[in-house]
Amino acid sequence: MLRRLSSLLLVVCALSGSVVINRIAVIVGKRAIKTSDIYRDLRATQFLNHDRPDFSVDAKRKAAERLVDQTLIRDEMEKGRYARSGAADLDAMLMRLLQDRFGGSTARMKDSLSAYGLDEDQLRMQLQWQLDVLRFIEERFRPGVLVTDEEVRAYYDARQTDLKRQFPQLKTYEALAPKIRTSLEGERLNANFEQWLAQVRQRNRVEYRQGAFQ
């Protein structure tokens, strides 16, 4: 998905009927994001989101931003020696995708992957990364999350009508409290992660090469 710092690479690859020079697009600390990384991220992201292929300048810039974040996260994961998710988790995630989107048909999934310029190995790499990041966030930031009973009750009191409309089968505070707690914990987990990521970005040099997204 990322890596490595080198001078301009004159590797030529075919993409959508055009010739693209694989060169450094962004430098993050001592690591590099190449144009090939950006295109690969675009294909995988658009495939998983079921979006139409889009290689516009704006789409490439957004992909580059995602890859900057991923580079910083990967560095932290390597420094902290966080474990990767297991093969069983990856197989289960791939199977859910296969069933939910392609009715269990491997042939249909491969045809769709091909339309996005991907293969199954690249898909597995993308899914593995997503699982690894989710595991990292849980291990790194979950210990700092605390939601009190008072906060759960205050949330319930302020949003009773909306909650009962959203969960009509749950009639009481006691029934709704676990869902409220999970929701509040998720919000704080994400907030802790986003705050950390913003701080890490400030501490690292990020250099965008001129013309990288044209």
N, C-alpha and C. Protein backbone atom coordinates (compact mmCIF):
# COMPACT_ATOMS: atom_id res chain seq x y z
N MET A 1 0.83 -1.19 0.00
CA MET A 1 0.00 0.00 0.00
C MET A 1 0.86 1.25 0.00
N LEU A 2 2.01 1.16 0.57
CA LEU A 2 2.89 2.29 0.67
C LEU A 2 4.30 1.87 0.25
N ARG A 3 5.24 2.70 0.46
CA ARG A 3 6.64 2.65 0.71
C ARG A 3 7.55 2.72 -0.50
N ARG A 4 8.72 2.82 -0.59
CA ARG A 4 9.89 3.18 0.14
C ARG A 4 10.52 4.37 -0.50
N LEU A 5 11.30 5.07 0.27
CA LEU A 5 11.89 6.31 -0.21
C LEU A 5 13.00 6.01 -1.21
N SER A 6 12.89 6.58 -2.38
CA SER A 6 13.94 6.46 -3.40
C SER A 6 13.81 7.65 -4.30
N SER A 7 14.75 7.83 -5.18
CA SER A 7 14.64 8.90 -6.15
C SER A 7 13.60 8.52 -7.19
N LEU A 8 13.38 9.41 -8.14
CA LEU A 8 12.31 9.23 -9.11
C LEU A 8 12.42 7.87 -9.79
N LEU A 9 11.30 7.12 -9.78
CA LEU A 9 11.28 5.79 -10.37
C LEU A 9 10.64 5.87 -11.75
N LEU A 10 11.33 5.38 -12.73
CA LEU A 10 10.80 5.42 -14.09
C LEU A 10 10.20 4.07 -14.46
N VAL A 11 9.26 3.64 -13.65
CA VAL A 11 8.55 2.40 -13.91
C VAL A 11 7.27 2.76 -14.64
N VAL A 12 7.07 2.19 -15.79
CA VAL A 12 5.91 2.52 -16.61
C VAL A 12 4.88 1.41 -16.47
N CYS A 13 3.63 1.81 -16.21
CA CYS A 13 2.56 0.82 -16.11
C CYS A 13 1.35 1.31 -16.89
N ALA A 14 0.56 0.35 -17.37
CA ALA A 14 -0.65 0.70 -18.13
C ALA A 14 -1.79 0.91 -17.15
N LEU A 15 -2.57 1.96 -17.36
CA LEU A 15 -3.72 2.24 -16.50
C LEU A 15 -4.79 2.91 -17.33
N SER A 16 -5.92 2.21 -17.46
CA SER A 16 -7.07 2.76 -18.17
C SER A 16 -6.67 3.25 -19.57
N GLY A 17 -5.83 2.48 -20.23
CA GLY A 17 -5.48 2.83 -21.60
C GLY A 17 -4.42 3.89 -21.72
N SER A 18 -3.84 4.36 -20.61
CA SER A 18 -2.82 5.40 -20.67
C SER A 18 -1.54 4.88 -20.05
N VAL A 19 -0.45 5.62 -20.26
CA VAL A 19 0.83 5.26 -19.68
C VAL A 19 1.11 6.20 -18.52
N VAL A 20 1.43 5.64 -17.36
CA VAL A 20 1.62 6.42 -16.16
C VAL A 20 3.04 6.19 -15.65
N ILE A 21 3.74 7.28 -15.33
CA ILE A 21 5.06 7.17 -14.75
C ILE A 21 4.91 7.02 -13.24
N ASN A 22 5.47 5.93 -12.69
CA ASN A 22 5.37 5.70 -11.25
C ASN A 22 6.45 6.52 -10.56
N ARG A 23 6.04 7.58 -9.89
CA ARG A 23 6.99 8.47 -9.25
C ARG A 23 6.53 8.80 -7.84
N ILE A 24 7.40 9.41 -7.09
CA ILE A 24 7.06 9.80 -5.73
C ILE A 24 6.05 10.95 -5.77
N ALA A 25 4.97 10.77 -5.02
CA ALA A 25 3.92 11.80 -4.96
C ALA A 25 3.98 12.57 -3.64
N VAL A 26 4.23 11.84 -2.54
CA VAL A 26 4.25 12.45 -1.21
C VAL A 26 5.37 11.81 -0.41
N ILE A 27 6.07 12.63 0.38
CA ILE A 27 7.06 12.13 1.33
C ILE A 27 6.52 12.35 2.73
N VAL A 28 6.51 11.28 3.52
CA VAL A 28 6.03 11.33 4.90
C VAL A 28 7.19 10.89 5.78
N GLY A 29 7.81 11.86 6.45
CA GLY A 29 9.00 11.52 7.23
C GLY A 29 10.07 10.97 6.33
N LYS A 30 10.47 9.72 6.54
CA LYS A 30 11.47 9.07 5.71
C LYS A 30 10.87 8.06 4.74
N ARG A 31 9.58 8.09 4.62
CA ARG A 31 8.89 7.16 3.72
C ARG A 31 8.29 7.91 2.53
N ALA A 32 8.02 7.17 1.48
CA ALA A 32 7.46 7.77 0.28
C ALA A 32 6.16 7.09 -0.13
N ILE A 33 5.25 7.89 -0.65
CA ILE A 33 4.03 7.39 -1.28
C ILE A 33 4.17 7.65 -2.77
N LYS A 34 4.03 6.60 -3.57
CA LYS A 34 4.21 6.72 -5.01
C LYS A 34 2.85 6.83 -5.70
N THR A 35 2.89 7.25 -6.95
CA THR A 35 1.64 7.35 -7.70
C THR A 35 0.96 6.00 -7.82
N SER A 36 1.74 4.93 -7.91
CA SER A 36 1.14 3.59 -7.99
C SER A 36 0.38 3.25 -6.71
N ASP A 37 0.89 3.71 -5.57
CA ASP A 37 0.19 3.50 -4.30
C ASP A 37 -1.16 4.21 -4.31
N ILE A 38 -1.18 5.42 -4.85
CA ILE A 38 -2.41 6.21 -4.90
C ILE A 38 -3.44 5.53 -5.78
N TYR A 39 -3.04 5.08 -6.96
CA TYR A 39 -3.98 4.40 -7.85
C TYR A 39 -4.49 3.10 -7.23
N ARG A 40 -3.60 2.36 -6.56
CA ARG A 40 -4.03 1.11 -5.93
C ARG A 40 -5.03 1.38 -4.81
N ASP A 41 -4.78 2.42 -4.02
CA ASP A 41 -5.72 2.77 -2.95
C ASP A 41 -7.07 3.19 -3.54
N LEU A 42 -7.04 3.97 -4.61
CA LEU A 42 -8.29 4.39 -5.25
C LEU A 42 -9.09 3.19 -5.72
N ARG A 43 -8.45 2.28 -6.40
CA ARG A 43 -9.17 1.11 -6.92
C ARG A 43 -9.79 0.30 -5.79
N ALA A 44 -8.98 0.03 -4.75
CA ALA A 44 -9.47 -0.80 -3.66
C ALA A 44 -10.59 -0.11 -2.89
N THR A 45 -10.43 1.18 -2.61
CA THR A 45 -11.44 1.92 -1.87
C THR A 45 -12.74 2.01 -2.65
N GLN A 46 -12.64 2.31 -3.93
CA GLN A 46 -13.83 2.44 -4.76
C GLN A 46 -14.52 1.09 -4.94
N PHE A 47 -13.74 0.02 -5.04
CA PHE A 47 -14.34 -1.31 -5.13
C PHE A 47 -15.12 -1.63 -3.85
N LEU A 48 -14.50 -1.42 -2.68
CA LEU A 48 -15.15 -1.76 -1.43
C LEU A 48 -16.36 -0.88 -1.16
N ASN A 49 -16.30 0.37 -1.59
CA ASN A 49 -17.44 1.29 -1.40
C ASN A 49 -18.48 1.17 -2.51
N HIS A 50 -18.19 0.32 -3.50
CA HIS A 50 -19.09 0.12 -4.64
C HIS A 50 -19.30 1.44 -5.39
N ASP A 51 -18.25 2.25 -5.48
CA ASP A 51 -18.29 3.50 -6.22
C ASP A 51 -17.78 3.29 -7.63
N ARG A 52 -18.18 4.17 -8.53
CA ARG A 52 -17.66 4.08 -9.89
C ARG A 52 -16.18 4.48 -9.88
N PRO A 53 -15.37 3.93 -10.78
CA PRO A 53 -13.96 4.30 -10.86
C PRO A 53 -13.81 5.80 -11.10
N ASP A 54 -12.93 6.42 -10.33
CA ASP A 54 -12.72 7.87 -10.41
C ASP A 54 -11.25 8.15 -10.15
N PHE A 55 -10.56 8.65 -11.18
CA PHE A 55 -9.13 8.97 -11.04
C PHE A 55 -8.91 10.47 -11.26
N SER A 56 -9.88 11.26 -10.84
CA SER A 56 -9.76 12.71 -10.96
C SER A 56 -8.70 13.23 -10.00
N VAL A 57 -8.29 14.47 -10.19
CA VAL A 57 -7.30 15.10 -9.31
C VAL A 57 -7.80 15.10 -7.87
N ASP A 58 -9.08 15.43 -7.68
CA ASP A 58 -9.64 15.48 -6.33
C ASP A 58 -9.61 14.10 -5.68
N ALA A 59 -9.97 13.07 -6.43
CA ALA A 59 -9.96 11.70 -5.89
C ALA A 59 -8.55 11.28 -5.53
N LYS A 60 -7.57 11.64 -6.36
CA LYS A 60 -6.19 11.29 -6.07
C LYS A 60 -5.67 12.01 -4.84
N ARG A 61 -6.06 13.25 -4.65
CA ARG A 61 -5.65 14.00 -3.45
C ARG A 61 -6.22 13.34 -2.20
N LYS A 62 -7.48 12.94 -2.25
CA LYS A 62 -8.09 12.29 -1.09
C LYS A 62 -7.41 10.95 -0.79
N ALA A 63 -7.06 10.22 -1.84
CA ALA A 63 -6.35 8.96 -1.64
C ALA A 63 -4.99 9.21 -1.01
N ALA A 64 -4.31 10.25 -1.46
CA ALA A 64 -3.00 10.60 -0.89
C ALA A 64 -3.13 10.92 0.59
N GLU A 65 -4.18 11.64 0.97
CA GLU A 65 -4.39 11.95 2.39
C GLU A 65 -4.62 10.68 3.20
N ARG A 66 -5.39 9.76 2.66
CA ARG A 66 -5.59 8.48 3.36
C ARG A 66 -4.26 7.76 3.54
N LEU A 67 -3.43 7.79 2.50
CA LEU A 67 -2.17 7.07 2.57
C LEU A 67 -1.18 7.74 3.52
N VAL A 68 -1.24 9.06 3.65
CA VAL A 68 -0.43 9.74 4.65
C VAL A 68 -0.81 9.22 6.04
N ASP A 69 -2.11 9.19 6.31
CA ASP A 69 -2.58 8.68 7.61
C ASP A 69 -2.14 7.23 7.80
N GLN A 70 -2.26 6.43 6.75
CA GLN A 70 -1.89 5.01 6.87
C GLN A 70 -0.40 4.85 7.13
N THR A 71 0.41 5.70 6.54
CA THR A 71 1.85 5.63 6.77
C THR A 71 2.18 5.91 8.23
N LEU A 72 1.54 6.93 8.78
CA LEU A 72 1.77 7.29 10.18
C LEU A 72 1.27 6.20 11.12
N ILE A 73 0.12 5.63 10.80
CA ILE A 73 -0.42 4.54 11.61
C ILE A 73 0.50 3.32 11.53
N ARG A 74 0.96 3.01 10.34
CA ARG A 74 1.84 1.84 10.17
C ARG A 74 3.13 2.01 10.97
N ASP A 75 3.68 3.22 10.96
CA ASP A 75 4.89 3.49 11.75
C ASP A 75 4.64 3.20 13.23
N GLU A 76 3.50 3.68 13.74
CA GLU A 76 3.18 3.47 15.15
C GLU A 76 2.98 1.99 15.44
N MET A 77 2.34 1.28 14.53
CA MET A 77 2.11 -0.15 14.71
C MET A 77 3.43 -0.90 14.76
N GLU A 78 4.37 -0.51 13.90
CA GLU A 78 5.67 -1.18 13.87
C GLU A 78 6.48 -0.87 15.12
N LYS A 79 6.46 0.39 15.55
CA LYS A 79 7.20 0.77 16.76
C LYS A 79 6.64 0.06 17.99
N GLY A 80 5.33 -0.04 18.06
CA GLY A 80 4.69 -0.69 19.21
C GLY A 80 4.58 -2.18 19.08
N ARG A 81 5.00 -2.72 17.94
CA ARG A 81 4.95 -4.16 17.68
C ARG A 81 3.56 -4.72 17.91
N TYR A 82 2.58 -4.02 17.37
CA TYR A 82 1.20 -4.50 17.48
C TYR A 82 1.01 -5.71 16.56
N ALA A 83 0.30 -6.69 17.06
CA ALA A 83 0.08 -7.92 16.29
C ALA A 83 -0.93 -7.69 15.18
N ARG A 84 -0.77 -8.45 14.12
CA ARG A 84 -1.72 -8.39 13.02
C ARG A 84 -2.92 -9.29 13.32
N SER A 85 -4.01 -9.02 12.63
CA SER A 85 -5.20 -9.87 12.78
C SER A 85 -4.92 -11.23 12.18
N GLY A 86 -5.62 -12.23 12.67
CA GLY A 86 -5.39 -13.59 12.22
C GLY A 86 -6.03 -13.90 10.88
N ALA A 87 -5.58 -15.00 10.29
CA ALA A 87 -6.11 -15.42 8.99
C ALA A 87 -7.59 -15.74 9.06
N ALA A 88 -8.04 -16.25 10.20
CA ALA A 88 -9.47 -16.59 10.32
C ALA A 88 -10.34 -15.34 10.23
N ASP A 89 -9.88 -14.24 10.83
CA ASP A 89 -10.64 -12.99 10.76
C ASP A 89 -10.70 -12.48 9.32
N LEU A 90 -9.59 -12.58 8.63
CA LEU A 90 -9.54 -12.13 7.23
C LEU A 90 -10.46 -12.99 6.36
N ASP A 91 -10.40 -14.30 6.53
CA ASP A 91 -11.25 -15.19 5.75
C ASP A 91 -12.73 -14.91 6.01
N ALA A 92 -13.07 -14.63 7.27
CA ALA A 92 -14.46 -14.35 7.62
C ALA A 92 -14.92 -13.04 6.98
N MET A 93 -14.05 -12.03 6.98
CA MET A 93 -14.41 -10.73 6.38
C MET A 93 -14.60 -10.88 4.87
N LEU A 94 -13.71 -11.64 4.24
CA LEU A 94 -13.83 -11.86 2.81
C LEU A 94 -15.09 -12.65 2.48
N MET A 95 -15.42 -13.61 3.30
CA MET A 95 -16.62 -14.40 3.06
C MET A 95 -17.88 -13.55 3.20
N ARG A 96 -17.91 -12.64 4.18
CA ARG A 96 -19.07 -11.75 4.32
C ARG A 96 -19.23 -10.89 3.08
N LEU A 97 -18.12 -10.36 2.57
CA LEU A 97 -18.17 -9.56 1.36
C LEU A 97 -18.67 -10.39 0.19
N LEU A 98 -18.15 -11.59 0.08
CA LEU A 98 -18.55 -12.48 -1.02
C LEU A 98 -20.04 -12.78 -0.97
N GLN A 99 -20.56 -13.06 0.21
CA GLN A 99 -21.97 -13.40 0.36
C GLN A 99 -22.87 -12.18 0.19
N ASP A 100 -22.53 -11.09 0.87
CA ASP A 100 -23.41 -9.92 0.89
C ASP A 100 -23.46 -9.22 -0.46
N ARG A 101 -22.35 -9.18 -1.16
CA ARG A 101 -22.31 -8.39 -2.39
C ARG A 101 -22.41 -9.23 -3.66
N PHE A 102 -21.96 -10.48 -3.59
CA PHE A 102 -21.89 -11.27 -4.81
C PHE A 102 -22.65 -12.59 -4.69
N GLY A 103 -23.49 -12.70 -3.67
CA GLY A 103 -24.31 -13.90 -3.53
C GLY A 103 -23.51 -15.18 -3.42
N GLY A 104 -22.28 -15.07 -2.93
CA GLY A 104 -21.44 -16.26 -2.76
C GLY A 104 -20.70 -16.67 -4.02
N SER A 105 -20.83 -15.92 -5.10
CA SER A 105 -20.21 -16.29 -6.37
C SER A 105 -18.79 -15.72 -6.47
N THR A 106 -17.80 -16.60 -6.42
CA THR A 106 -16.41 -16.17 -6.58
C THR A 106 -16.16 -15.61 -7.96
N ALA A 107 -16.81 -16.18 -8.97
CA ALA A 107 -16.62 -15.71 -10.35
C ALA A 107 -17.11 -14.27 -10.49
N ARG A 108 -18.27 -13.97 -9.90
CA ARG A 108 -18.79 -12.60 -9.96
C ARG A 108 -17.86 -11.62 -9.26
N MET A 109 -17.32 -12.04 -8.13
CA MET A 109 -16.41 -11.15 -7.41
C MET A 109 -15.15 -10.90 -8.23
N LYS A 110 -14.60 -11.94 -8.84
CA LYS A 110 -13.39 -11.78 -9.64
C LYS A 110 -13.64 -10.87 -10.84
N ASP A 111 -14.83 -11.00 -11.45
CA ASP A 111 -15.17 -10.12 -12.57
C ASP A 111 -15.23 -8.67 -12.11
N SER A 112 -15.83 -8.44 -10.94
CA SER A 112 -15.93 -7.08 -10.42
C SER A 112 -14.55 -6.54 -10.06
N LEU A 113 -13.73 -7.36 -9.45
CA LEU A 113 -12.36 -6.94 -9.13
C LEU A 113 -11.60 -6.55 -10.40
N SER A 114 -11.75 -7.36 -11.42
CA SER A 114 -11.07 -7.09 -12.69
C SER A 114 -11.51 -5.76 -13.28
N ALA A 115 -12.79 -5.43 -13.14
CA ALA A 115 -13.30 -4.17 -13.67
C ALA A 115 -12.65 -2.97 -12.98
N TYR A 116 -12.19 -3.18 -11.74
CA TYR A 116 -11.52 -2.11 -11.00
C TYR A 116 -10.00 -2.20 -11.10
N GLY A 117 -9.51 -3.16 -11.87
CA GLY A 117 -8.07 -3.32 -12.02
C GLY A 117 -7.42 -3.97 -10.81
N LEU A 118 -8.16 -4.86 -10.13
CA LEU A 118 -7.67 -5.51 -8.93
C LEU A 118 -7.72 -7.02 -9.08
N ASP A 119 -7.00 -7.71 -8.20
CA ASP A 119 -7.14 -9.16 -8.11
C ASP A 119 -7.43 -9.52 -6.65
N GLU A 120 -7.67 -10.80 -6.40
CA GLU A 120 -8.08 -11.21 -5.06
C GLU A 120 -6.97 -10.99 -4.02
N ASP A 121 -5.71 -11.18 -4.42
CA ASP A 121 -4.61 -10.95 -3.48
C ASP A 121 -4.58 -9.49 -3.02
N GLN A 122 -4.81 -8.56 -3.94
CA GLN A 122 -4.83 -7.15 -3.58
C GLN A 122 -6.02 -6.83 -2.67
N LEU A 123 -7.15 -7.47 -2.93
CA LEU A 123 -8.31 -7.30 -2.06
C LEU A 123 -8.00 -7.81 -0.66
N ARG A 124 -7.39 -8.96 -0.57
CA ARG A 124 -7.05 -9.52 0.73
C ARG A 124 -6.09 -8.60 1.49
N MET A 125 -5.15 -8.00 0.78
CA MET A 125 -4.22 -7.07 1.42
C MET A 125 -4.97 -5.87 2.00
N GLN A 126 -5.94 -5.36 1.23
CA GLN A 126 -6.72 -4.21 1.70
C GLN A 126 -7.56 -4.57 2.93
N LEU A 127 -8.20 -5.71 2.89
CA LEU A 127 -9.01 -6.15 4.02
C LEU A 127 -8.15 -6.44 5.24
N GLN A 128 -6.98 -7.04 5.02
CA GLN A 128 -6.05 -7.30 6.12
C GLN A 128 -5.65 -6.00 6.81
N TRP A 129 -5.38 -4.97 5.99
CA TRP A 129 -4.99 -3.68 6.55
C TRP A 129 -6.12 -3.10 7.39
N GLN A 130 -7.34 -3.16 6.89
CA GLN A 130 -8.47 -2.63 7.64
C GLN A 130 -8.62 -3.34 8.99
N LEU A 131 -8.48 -4.65 8.98
CA LEU A 131 -8.57 -5.40 10.23
C LEU A 131 -7.44 -5.04 11.18
N ASP A 132 -6.24 -4.88 10.64
CA ASP A 132 -5.08 -4.54 11.48
C ASP A 132 -5.27 -3.17 12.13
N VAL A 133 -5.81 -2.22 11.37
CA VAL A 133 -6.02 -0.88 11.92
C VAL A 133 -7.08 -0.91 13.00
N LEU A 134 -8.17 -1.63 12.78
CA LEU A 134 -9.21 -1.74 13.80
C LEU A 134 -8.65 -2.37 15.08
N ARG A 135 -7.80 -3.37 14.92
CA ARG A 135 -7.19 -4.01 16.09
C ARG A 135 -6.25 -3.04 16.80
N PHE A 136 -5.47 -2.30 16.03
CA PHE A 136 -4.56 -1.31 16.60
C PHE A 136 -5.33 -0.26 17.40
N ILE A 137 -6.42 0.26 16.82
CA ILE A 137 -7.21 1.29 17.50
C ILE A 137 -7.77 0.75 18.81
N GLU A 138 -8.27 -0.48 18.79
CA GLU A 138 -8.81 -1.07 20.01
C GLU A 138 -7.73 -1.20 21.08
N GLU A 139 -6.57 -1.73 20.70
CA GLU A 139 -5.53 -1.97 21.68
C GLU A 139 -4.89 -0.67 22.16
N ARG A 140 -4.73 0.28 21.26
CA ARG A 140 -4.02 1.52 21.59
C ARG A 140 -4.89 2.52 22.33
N PHE A 141 -6.17 2.60 22.01
CA PHE A 141 -7.01 3.69 22.52
C PHE A 141 -8.18 3.24 23.40
N ARG A 142 -8.58 1.99 23.35
CA ARG A 142 -9.70 1.53 24.17
C ARG A 142 -9.43 1.70 25.67
N PRO A 143 -8.20 1.45 26.17
CA PRO A 143 -7.98 1.60 27.61
C PRO A 143 -8.27 3.00 28.15
N GLY A 144 -8.21 4.02 27.30
CA GLY A 144 -8.48 5.38 27.75
C GLY A 144 -9.93 5.80 27.65
N VAL A 145 -10.81 4.87 27.29
CA VAL A 145 -12.23 5.19 27.12
C VAL A 145 -12.99 4.82 28.39
N LEU A 146 -13.70 5.78 28.93
CA LEU A 146 -14.53 5.53 30.12
C LEU A 146 -15.86 6.26 29.95
N VAL A 147 -16.94 5.52 30.09
CA VAL A 147 -18.29 6.08 30.05
C VAL A 147 -18.98 5.72 31.37
N THR A 148 -19.40 6.72 32.11
CA THR A 148 -20.00 6.48 33.42
C THR A 148 -21.50 6.18 33.28
N ASP A 149 -22.06 5.60 34.34
CA ASP A 149 -23.50 5.34 34.36
C ASP A 149 -24.28 6.65 34.26
N GLU A 150 -23.75 7.71 34.89
CA GLU A 150 -24.42 9.00 34.85
C GLU A 150 -24.48 9.55 33.42
N GLU A 151 -23.45 9.34 32.67
CA GLU A 151 -23.43 9.81 31.28
C GLU A 151 -24.40 9.02 30.42
N VAL A 152 -24.50 7.74 30.66
CA VAL A 152 -25.47 6.91 29.93
C VAL A 152 -26.88 7.38 30.23
N ARG A 153 -27.16 7.63 31.51
CA ARG A 153 -28.49 8.07 31.90
C ARG A 153 -28.82 9.44 31.31
N ALA A 154 -27.84 10.35 31.32
CA ALA A 154 -28.06 11.69 30.78
C ALA A 154 -28.35 11.62 29.28
N TYR A 155 -27.65 10.75 28.58
CA TYR A 155 -27.89 10.58 27.15
C TYR A 155 -29.31 10.06 26.91
N TYR A 156 -29.70 9.09 27.70
CA TYR A 156 -31.04 8.53 27.57
C TYR A 156 -32.11 9.59 27.84
N ASP A 157 -31.94 10.35 28.91
CA ASP A 157 -32.93 11.37 29.27
C ASP A 157 -33.07 12.43 28.19
N ALA A 158 -31.96 12.74 27.52
CA ALA A 158 -31.97 13.80 26.51
C ALA A 158 -32.52 13.32 25.16
N ARG A 159 -32.50 11.99 24.94
CA ARG A 159 -32.85 11.48 23.60
C ARG A 159 -33.84 10.33 23.64
N GLN A 160 -34.70 10.30 24.64
CA GLN A 160 -35.61 9.17 24.78
C GLN A 160 -36.46 8.95 23.53
N THR A 161 -37.02 10.02 23.01
CA THR A 161 -37.92 9.89 21.86
C THR A 161 -37.19 9.30 20.67
N ASP A 162 -36.01 9.83 20.35
CA ASP A 162 -35.24 9.33 19.21
C ASP A 162 -34.81 7.88 19.42
N LEU A 163 -34.39 7.56 20.62
CA LEU A 163 -33.94 6.19 20.90
C LEU A 163 -35.07 5.19 20.76
N LYS A 164 -36.25 5.53 21.25
CA LYS A 164 -37.37 4.60 21.17
C LYS A 164 -37.88 4.46 19.73
N ARG A 165 -37.70 5.51 18.95
CA ARG A 165 -38.04 5.41 17.53
C ARG A 165 -37.03 4.53 16.80
N GLN A 166 -35.77 4.65 17.17
CA GLN A 166 -34.71 3.87 16.53
C GLN A 166 -34.75 2.41 16.96
N PHE A 167 -35.11 2.16 18.24
CA PHE A 167 -35.15 0.79 18.77
C PHE A 167 -36.52 0.53 19.39
N PRO A 168 -37.56 0.40 18.57
CA PRO A 168 -38.93 0.27 19.11
C PRO A 168 -39.13 -0.98 19.96
N GLN A 169 -38.30 -1.99 19.76
CA GLN A 169 -38.45 -3.22 20.53
C GLN A 169 -37.88 -3.10 21.94
N LEU A 170 -37.09 -2.04 22.19
CA LEU A 170 -36.48 -1.84 23.51
C LEU A 170 -37.28 -0.76 24.24
N LYS A 171 -38.01 -1.15 25.25
CA LYS A 171 -39.00 -0.26 25.86
C LYS A 171 -38.50 0.50 27.07
N THR A 172 -37.43 0.02 27.70
CA THR A 172 -37.02 0.60 28.97
C THR A 172 -35.58 1.12 28.91
N TYR A 173 -35.25 1.93 29.92
CA TYR A 173 -33.88 2.42 30.04
C TYR A 173 -32.90 1.26 30.18
N GLU A 174 -33.27 0.27 30.98
CA GLU A 174 -32.39 -0.87 31.22
C GLU A 174 -32.08 -1.61 29.92
N ALA A 175 -33.06 -1.69 29.04
CA ALA A 175 -32.85 -2.38 27.76
C ALA A 175 -31.98 -1.55 26.81
N LEU A 176 -32.12 -0.23 26.88
CA LEU A 176 -31.39 0.65 25.98
C LEU A 176 -29.99 1.00 26.45
N ALA A 177 -29.76 0.90 27.75
CA ALA A 177 -28.48 1.34 28.32
C ALA A 177 -27.26 0.70 27.66
N PRO A 178 -27.24 -0.62 27.39
CA PRO A 178 -26.05 -1.20 26.75
C PRO A 178 -25.75 -0.60 25.37
N LYS A 179 -26.79 -0.33 24.59
CA LYS A 179 -26.58 0.27 23.28
C LYS A 179 -26.06 1.70 23.41
N ILE A 180 -26.58 2.43 24.38
CA ILE A 180 -26.11 3.80 24.59
C ILE A 180 -24.64 3.78 24.99
N ARG A 181 -24.30 2.89 25.89
CA ARG A 181 -22.91 2.81 26.35
C ARG A 181 -21.97 2.47 25.19
N THR A 182 -22.38 1.51 24.38
CA THR A 182 -21.56 1.12 23.23
C THR A 182 -21.37 2.28 22.27
N SER A 183 -22.45 3.03 22.04
CA SER A 183 -22.37 4.17 21.14
C SER A 183 -21.44 5.25 21.68
N LEU A 184 -21.57 5.57 22.95
CA LEU A 184 -20.72 6.59 23.56
C LEU A 184 -19.25 6.15 23.59
N GLU A 185 -19.02 4.88 23.87
CA GLU A 185 -17.66 4.37 23.88
C GLU A 185 -17.05 4.45 22.48
N GLY A 186 -17.86 4.12 21.47
CA GLY A 186 -17.36 4.21 20.09
C GLY A 186 -16.99 5.63 19.70
N GLU A 187 -17.83 6.58 20.10
CA GLU A 187 -17.55 7.99 19.80
C GLU A 187 -16.25 8.44 20.46
N ARG A 188 -16.03 8.04 21.69
CA ARG A 188 -14.82 8.46 22.40
C ARG A 188 -13.58 7.74 21.88
N LEU A 189 -13.75 6.50 21.50
CA LEU A 189 -12.64 5.76 20.90
C LEU A 189 -12.18 6.45 19.62
N ASN A 190 -13.15 6.81 18.77
CA ASN A 190 -12.82 7.50 17.53
C ASN A 190 -12.20 8.87 17.79
N ALA A 191 -12.74 9.57 18.79
CA ALA A 191 -12.20 10.89 19.11
C ALA A 191 -10.76 10.79 19.60
N ASN A 192 -10.46 9.80 20.44
CA ASN A 192 -9.10 9.60 20.92
C ASN A 192 -8.14 9.31 19.77
N PHE A 193 -8.60 8.46 18.86
CA PHE A 193 -7.78 8.11 17.71
C PHE A 193 -7.54 9.32 16.80
N GLU A 194 -8.60 10.07 16.51
CA GLU A 194 -8.46 11.24 15.63
C GLU A 194 -7.56 12.30 16.25
N GLN A 195 -7.65 12.48 17.55
CA GLN A 195 -6.79 13.45 18.23
C GLN A 195 -5.33 13.02 18.14
N TRP A 196 -5.09 11.75 18.37
CA TRP A 196 -3.72 11.22 18.26
C TRP A 196 -3.18 11.40 16.84
N LEU A 197 -4.00 11.07 15.84
CA LEU A 197 -3.55 11.15 14.46
C LEU A 197 -3.23 12.59 14.07
N ALA A 198 -4.03 13.55 14.52
CA ALA A 198 -3.76 14.96 14.23
C ALA A 198 -2.44 15.39 14.86
N GLN A 199 -2.17 14.94 16.06
CA GLN A 199 -0.91 15.29 16.72
C GLN A 199 0.28 14.67 16.01
N VAL A 200 0.14 13.43 15.56
CA VAL A 200 1.23 12.77 14.85
C VAL A 200 1.50 13.47 13.52
N ARG A 201 0.45 13.89 12.84
CA ARG A 201 0.62 14.62 11.59
C ARG A 201 1.44 15.90 11.82
N GLN A 202 1.17 16.59 12.90
CA GLN A 202 1.88 17.84 13.19
C GLN A 202 3.36 17.58 13.46
N ARG A 203 3.69 16.42 14.00
CA ARG A 203 5.08 16.11 14.34
C ARG A 203 5.89 15.58 13.17
N ASN A 204 5.24 15.25 12.08
CA ASN A 204 5.93 14.64 10.95
C ASN A 204 5.90 15.54 9.72
N ARG A 205 7.00 15.52 8.99
CA ARG A 205 7.07 16.28 7.74
C ARG A 205 6.27 15.55 6.67
N VAL A 206 5.38 16.28 6.04
CA VAL A 206 4.61 15.74 4.91
C VAL A 206 4.83 16.68 3.74
N GLU A 207 5.46 16.16 2.70
CA GLU A 207 5.79 16.97 1.53
C GLU A 207 5.08 16.42 0.29
N TYR A 208 4.27 17.27 -0.34
CA TYR A 208 3.56 16.89 -1.55
C TYR A 208 4.36 17.36 -2.76
N ARG A 209 4.72 16.43 -3.63
CA ARG A 209 5.51 16.78 -4.78
C ARG A 209 4.66 17.51 -5.83
N GLN A 210 5.23 18.51 -6.43
CA GLN A 210 4.54 19.30 -7.43
C GLN A 210 4.11 18.44 -8.62
N GLY A 211 2.86 18.59 -9.00
CA GLY A 211 2.34 17.84 -10.16
C GLY A 211 2.04 16.39 -9.89
N ALA A 212 2.07 15.99 -8.62
CA ALA A 212 1.89 14.57 -8.31
C ALA A 212 0.49 14.06 -8.60
N PHE A 213 -0.52 14.95 -8.61
CA PHE A 213 -1.89 14.51 -8.76
C PHE A 213 -2.48 14.84 -10.14
N GLN A 214 -1.64 15.27 -11.04
CA GLN A 214 -2.13 15.61 -12.38
C GLN A 214 -2.34 14.36 -13.21
